[in-house]
N, C-alpha and C. Protein backbone atom coordinates (compact mmCIF):
# COMPACT_ATOMS: atom_id res chain seq x y z
N MET A 1 -23.50 1.45 -9.91
CA MET A 1 -22.16 1.64 -9.40
C MET A 1 -21.50 2.76 -10.21
N MET A 2 -20.86 3.68 -9.51
CA MET A 2 -20.20 4.83 -10.12
C MET A 2 -18.73 4.86 -9.74
N TYR A 3 -17.96 5.56 -10.54
CA TYR A 3 -16.53 5.71 -10.29
C TYR A 3 -16.18 7.19 -10.20
N VAL A 4 -15.40 7.54 -9.19
CA VAL A 4 -14.79 8.86 -9.12
C VAL A 4 -13.32 8.60 -9.41
N TYR A 5 -12.82 9.25 -10.45
CA TYR A 5 -11.49 8.91 -10.95
C TYR A 5 -10.57 10.12 -11.01
N VAL A 6 -9.27 9.84 -11.07
CA VAL A 6 -8.26 10.88 -11.20
C VAL A 6 -7.39 10.54 -12.40
N LEU A 7 -7.22 11.52 -13.27
CA LEU A 7 -6.33 11.39 -14.42
C LEU A 7 -5.16 12.34 -14.23
N ARG A 8 -4.02 11.97 -14.79
CA ARG A 8 -2.85 12.85 -14.75
C ARG A 8 -2.41 13.12 -16.17
N SER A 9 -2.23 14.40 -16.49
CA SER A 9 -1.78 14.79 -17.81
C SER A 9 -0.29 14.49 -17.95
N GLU A 10 0.08 13.83 -19.03
CA GLU A 10 1.50 13.56 -19.27
C GLU A 10 2.18 14.76 -19.92
N VAL A 11 1.41 15.79 -20.25
CA VAL A 11 1.97 17.01 -20.83
C VAL A 11 2.41 17.98 -19.74
N ASP A 12 1.51 18.27 -18.79
CA ASP A 12 1.83 19.26 -17.77
C ASP A 12 1.83 18.71 -16.34
N GLY A 13 1.51 17.43 -16.17
CA GLY A 13 1.55 16.81 -14.85
C GLY A 13 0.39 17.17 -13.95
N GLU A 14 -0.58 17.92 -14.45
CA GLU A 14 -1.73 18.32 -13.65
C GLU A 14 -2.74 17.18 -13.55
N TYR A 15 -3.57 17.24 -12.52
CA TYR A 15 -4.57 16.20 -12.27
C TYR A 15 -5.96 16.68 -12.69
N TYR A 16 -6.79 15.73 -13.10
CA TYR A 16 -8.19 15.99 -13.44
C TYR A 16 -9.04 14.98 -12.68
N ILE A 17 -10.11 15.45 -12.08
CA ILE A 17 -11.02 14.59 -11.32
C ILE A 17 -12.37 14.58 -12.03
N GLY A 18 -12.94 13.39 -12.15
CA GLY A 18 -14.25 13.26 -12.77
C GLY A 18 -15.01 12.08 -12.19
N GLN A 19 -16.23 11.87 -12.70
CA GLN A 19 -17.03 10.73 -12.25
C GLN A 19 -17.80 10.19 -13.44
N THR A 20 -18.01 8.87 -13.43
CA THR A 20 -18.66 8.21 -14.56
C THR A 20 -19.21 6.85 -14.14
N GLU A 21 -20.07 6.31 -14.98
CA GLU A 21 -20.55 4.93 -14.80
C GLU A 21 -19.67 3.94 -15.54
N ASN A 22 -19.06 4.39 -16.65
CA ASN A 22 -18.25 3.52 -17.50
C ASN A 22 -16.84 4.09 -17.59
N LEU A 23 -15.95 3.60 -16.76
CA LEU A 23 -14.61 4.15 -16.64
C LEU A 23 -13.79 3.98 -17.92
N GLU A 24 -13.82 2.81 -18.52
CA GLU A 24 -13.03 2.56 -19.74
C GLU A 24 -13.46 3.49 -20.86
N ASN A 25 -14.76 3.63 -21.05
CA ASN A 25 -15.28 4.50 -22.11
C ASN A 25 -14.91 5.96 -21.85
N ARG A 26 -15.03 6.38 -20.60
CA ARG A 26 -14.73 7.77 -20.27
C ARG A 26 -13.25 8.08 -20.48
N LEU A 27 -12.36 7.18 -20.11
CA LEU A 27 -10.93 7.38 -20.33
C LEU A 27 -10.64 7.47 -21.83
N ALA A 28 -11.29 6.63 -22.63
CA ALA A 28 -11.11 6.68 -24.08
C ALA A 28 -11.57 8.03 -24.63
N LEU A 29 -12.69 8.55 -24.14
CA LEU A 29 -13.18 9.85 -24.59
C LEU A 29 -12.19 10.96 -24.24
N HIS A 30 -11.63 10.92 -23.04
CA HIS A 30 -10.64 11.92 -22.63
C HIS A 30 -9.44 11.88 -23.58
N ASN A 31 -8.91 10.70 -23.84
CA ASN A 31 -7.71 10.59 -24.65
C ASN A 31 -7.96 10.79 -26.14
N ALA A 32 -9.22 10.71 -26.57
CA ALA A 32 -9.57 10.98 -27.96
C ALA A 32 -9.81 12.47 -28.19
N GLY A 33 -9.76 13.27 -27.14
CA GLY A 33 -9.96 14.70 -27.28
C GLY A 33 -11.42 15.11 -27.33
N LYS A 34 -12.31 14.26 -26.88
CA LYS A 34 -13.73 14.55 -26.94
C LYS A 34 -14.29 15.16 -25.66
N VAL A 35 -13.42 15.40 -24.69
CA VAL A 35 -13.82 16.08 -23.45
C VAL A 35 -13.12 17.43 -23.45
N LYS A 36 -13.91 18.49 -23.53
CA LYS A 36 -13.38 19.84 -23.70
C LYS A 36 -12.35 20.22 -22.63
N SER A 37 -12.61 19.87 -21.39
CA SER A 37 -11.74 20.31 -20.30
C SER A 37 -10.36 19.64 -20.30
N THR A 38 -10.21 18.53 -21.00
CA THR A 38 -8.90 17.85 -21.01
C THR A 38 -8.30 17.73 -22.40
N ARG A 39 -8.96 18.28 -23.38
CA ARG A 39 -8.53 18.13 -24.78
C ARG A 39 -7.08 18.57 -24.99
N MET A 40 -6.69 19.69 -24.42
CA MET A 40 -5.34 20.24 -24.64
C MET A 40 -4.30 19.63 -23.71
N ARG A 41 -4.70 18.70 -22.87
CA ARG A 41 -3.77 18.14 -21.88
C ARG A 41 -3.45 16.67 -22.16
N ARG A 42 -3.82 16.19 -23.33
CA ARG A 42 -3.61 14.78 -23.67
C ARG A 42 -2.13 14.51 -23.95
N PRO A 43 -1.67 13.29 -23.74
CA PRO A 43 -2.38 12.11 -23.24
C PRO A 43 -2.56 12.16 -21.72
N LEU A 44 -3.57 11.42 -21.28
CA LEU A 44 -3.90 11.35 -19.87
C LEU A 44 -3.77 9.91 -19.39
N LYS A 45 -3.29 9.77 -18.18
CA LYS A 45 -3.10 8.45 -17.59
C LYS A 45 -3.98 8.33 -16.35
N LEU A 46 -4.64 7.20 -16.19
CA LEU A 46 -5.48 6.96 -15.03
C LEU A 46 -4.60 6.75 -13.80
N VAL A 47 -4.77 7.60 -12.80
CA VAL A 47 -4.04 7.48 -11.54
C VAL A 47 -4.73 6.43 -10.67
N GLY A 48 -6.06 6.49 -10.64
CA GLY A 48 -6.83 5.55 -9.85
C GLY A 48 -8.27 6.00 -9.76
N TYR A 49 -9.06 5.22 -9.04
CA TYR A 49 -10.48 5.53 -8.91
C TYR A 49 -11.01 4.95 -7.61
N GLU A 50 -12.17 5.46 -7.23
CA GLU A 50 -12.89 4.93 -6.08
C GLU A 50 -14.30 4.59 -6.54
N VAL A 51 -14.78 3.44 -6.14
CA VAL A 51 -16.13 3.01 -6.49
C VAL A 51 -17.08 3.53 -5.42
N VAL A 52 -18.17 4.15 -5.87
CA VAL A 52 -19.20 4.64 -4.96
C VAL A 52 -20.55 4.09 -5.41
N PRO A 53 -21.51 3.96 -4.50
CA PRO A 53 -22.74 3.25 -4.82
C PRO A 53 -23.74 3.99 -5.71
N THR A 54 -23.80 5.32 -5.59
CA THR A 54 -24.85 6.04 -6.32
C THR A 54 -24.29 7.23 -7.08
N HIS A 55 -25.09 7.71 -8.03
CA HIS A 55 -24.72 8.89 -8.81
C HIS A 55 -24.59 10.11 -7.91
N ASN A 56 -25.51 10.27 -6.99
CA ASN A 56 -25.45 11.43 -6.08
C ASN A 56 -24.21 11.41 -5.21
N THR A 57 -23.83 10.23 -4.75
CA THR A 57 -22.61 10.10 -3.95
C THR A 57 -21.39 10.48 -4.77
N ALA A 58 -21.35 10.05 -6.01
CA ALA A 58 -20.23 10.36 -6.90
C ALA A 58 -20.16 11.86 -7.17
N ARG A 59 -21.29 12.48 -7.43
CA ARG A 59 -21.32 13.92 -7.69
C ARG A 59 -20.85 14.69 -6.46
N TYR A 60 -21.28 14.28 -5.28
CA TYR A 60 -20.88 14.96 -4.06
C TYR A 60 -19.38 14.82 -3.82
N LEU A 61 -18.85 13.61 -3.98
CA LEU A 61 -17.43 13.39 -3.78
C LEU A 61 -16.61 14.20 -4.79
N GLU A 62 -17.02 14.18 -6.05
CA GLU A 62 -16.32 14.96 -7.08
C GLU A 62 -16.32 16.45 -6.70
N TYR A 63 -17.46 16.96 -6.28
CA TYR A 63 -17.55 18.37 -5.87
C TYR A 63 -16.59 18.66 -4.72
N GLN A 64 -16.60 17.80 -3.70
CA GLN A 64 -15.73 18.00 -2.55
C GLN A 64 -14.25 18.03 -2.97
N LEU A 65 -13.87 17.12 -3.84
CA LEU A 65 -12.47 17.04 -4.27
C LEU A 65 -12.07 18.24 -5.12
N LYS A 66 -12.97 18.72 -5.96
CA LYS A 66 -12.65 19.84 -6.83
C LYS A 66 -12.65 21.18 -6.10
N HIS A 67 -13.34 21.27 -4.98
CA HIS A 67 -13.45 22.54 -4.29
C HIS A 67 -12.68 22.63 -2.97
N HIS A 68 -12.01 21.56 -2.59
CA HIS A 68 -11.22 21.55 -1.36
C HIS A 68 -9.86 20.94 -1.67
N SER A 69 -8.87 21.78 -1.83
CA SER A 69 -7.55 21.30 -2.26
C SER A 69 -6.94 20.29 -1.29
N ASP A 70 -7.22 20.43 0.01
CA ASP A 70 -6.66 19.47 0.96
C ASP A 70 -7.28 18.09 0.76
N LYS A 71 -8.58 18.04 0.48
CA LYS A 71 -9.24 16.76 0.22
C LYS A 71 -8.76 16.16 -1.10
N LYS A 72 -8.55 17.02 -2.09
CA LYS A 72 -8.04 16.56 -3.39
C LYS A 72 -6.66 15.94 -3.23
N GLN A 73 -5.78 16.63 -2.52
CA GLN A 73 -4.42 16.12 -2.32
C GLN A 73 -4.43 14.81 -1.55
N ALA A 74 -5.27 14.70 -0.53
CA ALA A 74 -5.35 13.47 0.26
C ALA A 74 -5.89 12.32 -0.59
N PHE A 75 -6.88 12.59 -1.44
CA PHE A 75 -7.46 11.56 -2.32
C PHE A 75 -6.42 11.07 -3.32
N ILE A 76 -5.69 11.98 -3.94
CA ILE A 76 -4.65 11.60 -4.91
C ILE A 76 -3.56 10.82 -4.21
N ARG A 77 -3.15 11.27 -3.04
CA ARG A 77 -2.10 10.57 -2.28
C ARG A 77 -2.54 9.14 -1.95
N LYS A 78 -3.82 8.98 -1.56
CA LYS A 78 -4.35 7.65 -1.23
C LYS A 78 -4.31 6.75 -2.47
N LEU A 79 -4.73 7.27 -3.62
CA LEU A 79 -4.72 6.47 -4.85
C LEU A 79 -3.30 6.08 -5.26
N LEU A 80 -2.36 7.02 -5.12
CA LEU A 80 -0.97 6.72 -5.47
C LEU A 80 -0.37 5.67 -4.53
N GLU A 81 -0.71 5.73 -3.24
CA GLU A 81 -0.21 4.75 -2.29
C GLU A 81 -0.78 3.37 -2.56
N MET A 82 -2.00 3.30 -3.07
CA MET A 82 -2.61 2.01 -3.39
C MET A 82 -1.88 1.32 -4.54
N GLN A 83 -1.21 2.09 -5.39
CA GLN A 83 -0.50 1.52 -6.53
C GLN A 83 0.84 0.91 -6.15
N ARG A 84 1.40 1.38 -5.04
CA ARG A 84 2.72 0.89 -4.63
C ARG A 84 2.62 -0.54 -4.12
N PRO A 85 3.63 -1.35 -4.44
CA PRO A 85 3.63 -2.76 -3.96
C PRO A 85 3.92 -2.87 -2.48
């Protein structure tokens, strides 16, 4: 089981998309400054995630979200709507 997740920087409000098998550990690495691409944007808050069955599926979804701004915006909007009561 894999996770495709979205983080939001509390410094600049920008979003980061990634994928992992261990979501808690990966979030800790991001906030500890051990991930080069988010080191200068800490602290980061988890916006949400989607569970996908395989590593290849996660990689494909992450690629689609990072390279298609309309898909990225729709994915973030869906995650934010899921948080609302």
